[in-house]
Protein backbone atom coordinates (compact mmCIF):
# COMPACT_ATOMS: atom_id res chain seq x y z
CA MET A 1 -42.07 -40.53 -69.02
CA ALA A 2 -44.03 -37.37 -68.24
CA GLU A 3 -44.82 -38.71 -64.76
CA ILE A 4 -41.12 -39.12 -64.01
CA ILE A 5 -40.35 -35.58 -65.17
CA ILE A 6 -43.23 -34.18 -63.11
CA ALA A 7 -42.20 -36.16 -60.00
CA THR A 8 -38.61 -34.96 -60.36
CA ALA A 9 -39.67 -31.32 -60.75
CA VAL A 10 -42.14 -31.42 -57.85
CA ALA A 11 -39.62 -33.06 -55.53
CA GLY A 12 -36.89 -30.59 -56.49
CA VAL A 13 -39.05 -27.48 -56.08
CA SER A 14 -40.48 -28.79 -52.80
CA ALA A 15 -36.98 -29.30 -51.43
CA PHE A 16 -35.84 -25.85 -52.59
CA VAL A 17 -38.73 -24.15 -50.80
CA GLY A 18 -39.25 -26.59 -47.95
CA ALA A 19 -35.73 -27.28 -46.66
CA PRO A 20 -35.46 -24.05 -44.63
CA VAL A 21 -38.97 -24.55 -43.28
CA VAL A 22 -38.21 -28.13 -42.23
CA LEU A 23 -34.97 -27.09 -40.51
CA GLY A 24 -36.85 -24.53 -38.45
CA ALA A 25 -39.66 -26.95 -37.66
CA ILE A 26 -37.29 -29.56 -36.25
CA GLY A 27 -35.51 -27.01 -34.08
CA PHE A 28 -32.61 -25.46 -35.99
CA THR A 29 -33.39 -21.76 -35.46
CA LYS A 30 -31.63 -18.41 -35.95
CA VAL A 31 -30.83 -18.25 -32.22
CA GLY A 32 -29.65 -21.85 -31.81
CA VAL A 33 -31.20 -25.22 -31.15
CA ALA A 34 -34.73 -24.88 -29.79
CA ALA A 35 -35.27 -26.47 -26.37
CA GLY A 36 -37.47 -29.56 -26.48
CA SER A 37 -37.14 -29.94 -30.25
CA ILE A 38 -36.07 -32.90 -32.35
CA ALA A 39 -32.74 -31.13 -32.89
CA ALA A 40 -32.25 -30.82 -29.13
CA ALA A 41 -33.03 -34.52 -28.69
CA VAL A 42 -30.27 -35.59 -31.09
CA GLN A 43 -27.71 -32.98 -30.07
CA GLY A 44 -24.68 -34.54 -28.41
CA PRO A 45 -22.38 -33.00 -25.81
CA THR A 46 -19.97 -32.00 -28.58
CA THR A 47 -20.62 -31.25 -32.21
CA ALA A 48 -17.86 -31.83 -34.73
CA ALA A 49 -17.29 -29.09 -37.28
CA GLY A 50 -18.63 -30.16 -40.65
CA SER A 51 -20.98 -32.80 -39.19
CA LEU A 52 -24.56 -33.04 -40.42
CA PHE A 53 -25.78 -31.52 -37.15
CA ALA A 54 -23.38 -28.58 -37.50
CA LEU A 55 -24.39 -28.01 -41.11
CA CYS A 56 -28.09 -28.07 -40.22
CA GLN A 57 -27.55 -25.60 -37.38
CA SER A 58 -25.54 -23.33 -39.64
CA ALA A 59 -28.27 -23.39 -42.28
CA GLY A 60 -30.95 -22.83 -39.62
CA ALA A 61 -29.10 -19.87 -38.15
CA ALA A 62 -27.86 -18.14 -41.29
CA GLY A 63 -30.26 -19.49 -43.88
CA MET A 64 -29.34 -21.63 -46.82
CA ALA A 65 -27.27 -20.24 -49.66
CA VAL A 66 -28.77 -20.54 -53.12
CA GLY A 67 -26.06 -23.04 -54.07
CA THR A 68 -26.96 -25.22 -51.11
CA LYS A 69 -30.65 -25.04 -51.98
CA VAL A 70 -29.84 -26.03 -55.57
CA ALA A 71 -27.72 -28.98 -54.38
CA VAL A 72 -30.44 -30.18 -51.98
CA SER A 73 -33.22 -29.78 -54.54
CA SER A 74 -31.14 -31.55 -57.22
CA ALA A 75 -30.49 -34.50 -54.91
CA VAL A 76 -34.12 -34.74 -53.83
CA GLY A 77 -35.30 -34.35 -57.43
CA THR A 78 -33.02 -37.17 -58.53
CA VAL A 79 -34.36 -39.45 -55.81
CA GLY A 80 -37.94 -38.44 -56.67
CA GLY A 81 -37.36 -39.25 -60.32
CA ALA A 82 -35.78 -42.60 -59.45
CA ILE A 83 -38.73 -43.54 -57.23
CA ALA A 84 -41.19 -42.48 -59.93
CA SER A 85 -39.38 -44.62 -62.51
CA ILE A 86 -39.60 -47.66 -60.22
CA TRP A 87 -43.35 -47.18 -59.67
CA LYS A 88 -43.91 -46.77 -63.38
């Protein structure tokens, strides 16, 4: 049981801290999509408002709100805990 709790906490904290770093690393920057990046490779000719791409660009440009970070880290923590319980 302790392993599941630890895995959930580590995954959640990692997502809270790492999500903005990952967005920047794949090309969602404060000034737009970085040329030659993964984000540029998947960018289509039009981007629908509210799409995953648009949300990632918004978070990359403006940063992630605390509520968004909490939602992402909660989701990742849940998945981490589920995986840990399967490997148990």
